Amino acid sequence: MISDCRRKKLDLIITKSISRFSRNTLDCLIYVRELKELGIGVLFEKENINTLESKGEVLLTILSSLAQEESRSISENCAWGIRKHFEHGEFRLATTRFLGYDQDAEGKLIVNPRQASIVRLIYQEYLNGKSTIYICKSLKEAGIPTWNGTCTWCSSTIINMLQNEKYKGDVLLQKTFSSDFLTKKRIKNTGQLPSYYLKDHHEPIISRELWECVQLETLRRKTFMENYHLACYSRYTAALPMACKIICGTCHHAYVRKIWRRGTQKRLIWQCGEKYCPKTPCDCGNRHIDEKTLWKAFWICFNRILNHLTEYQEKWERQSESENEDLLARYRAKDFIKFLTISHFSSHLTNKRNPHKRKHEWKKSDLIIRLLSHMEIFESGRIVVHFLDGTELVLEGK
């Protein structure tokens, strides 16, 4: 309407009352004055005010202030009522954009079996080492729909789902609140207002232990980023499974992948990203390394585990039952037992004639993502391979 007024399409605006025009005193006066300069009046029927008259603005200022105060009072009363309902555990959740649950006639959450399987898949893929971007790509390629039926997945959506306590059957009320009744801006509640936690409120989709493991894995990745100065742990893992997993043993920064070309031939190498950074180059003297060498190092260490599988299985069993280990460490131990002790899997991976050549049904990238934490590269040629279960294997350079 204001745009039409600026284009001189209107001569007069008639509204029921000031509160219908604006409940913000400042906005009301700004627009009224702008319209008055354009020669357009505003007629408020209830208050009998015409802004083109001389006495209009004085009354308008007083009455618009009252309208703003009325808006503030209504907002506070509504907020008070909502918080009282929260105190008694009374609330209603909008499940339209909430994947995994529907509502029954009484407003209670009930599991949607088709959507619940998608939620379980996302949690499992994340614990299998895949980044949120990688998961998005996989869901899109598989044609798995979101809440609105499209296959448009976003990394932020996956992150919110992984942090949502409702999937383990609990509810946290008043996560956010409106900080200003005029702007309606919502901010995160970090202690400004009381929050209310309801445990075992509804049927869970994810077990409590699995949910806690996901939170510990998120913390592990965040710590990993901070320790090795990574701007984004998950940015490139959808295309490069080794991205952010190759660490310089000298300056403790991540290696980056480069392509060296000579004529029609190309060579894939990894080199210290900090050493060759044009903005902040360092004195790191570590050398580059061929991608084939990294793969070879991984396969050698992986074969060591397979060749001593009985010993490692005993270690994992002790780790999975140890009270000194956190939930994530115990989960990793159980996962390695389940994943690596399947007879047909081992037979597919082992090639006795040439241990570096594989003929198997699993993608190499999936193995790296699921098993490898990172590799440390040293100037001497030594490579330390760290697996997610805590195993560290050393390969000495020539």
Foldseek 3Di string as FASTA:
>chain_A
DLVCLVVVVDAEAEDAALLVVDLDLVVSVVSQVVSVVSNYWYAHNVVRAISVDPCRVVVSNVVSPVSNVVLVVVVVVVVVVVVVCVVVVHDADDCLQPFFWDADPVRATDGDVVRLVVLVVLLVVVLLQAALVLSLVVQLVVQPAGSVSGSRDDSVVSVCSLLAPVQQQKDKACQWDQPDSRVSDIDGCPPPDDIHIGHNNDDHSDHPLSSVLSVVSVVVQVVLCVQQVNPDCNDCCNPPLQFSFEAEPFPSHHWDWDWDDDPPDIFIKTDGCQCPPPVHHDPDPADIGGPLVVLQVVLVVVVVCLVPVVVLLVVLVCQLPDPVDDSNLNVLSVVCCVPPVDVVQSVQAADPVDSSDGHHDDDPSSCCSRWFRHWYAYRQRKIWTATPNGDIDIDGGD
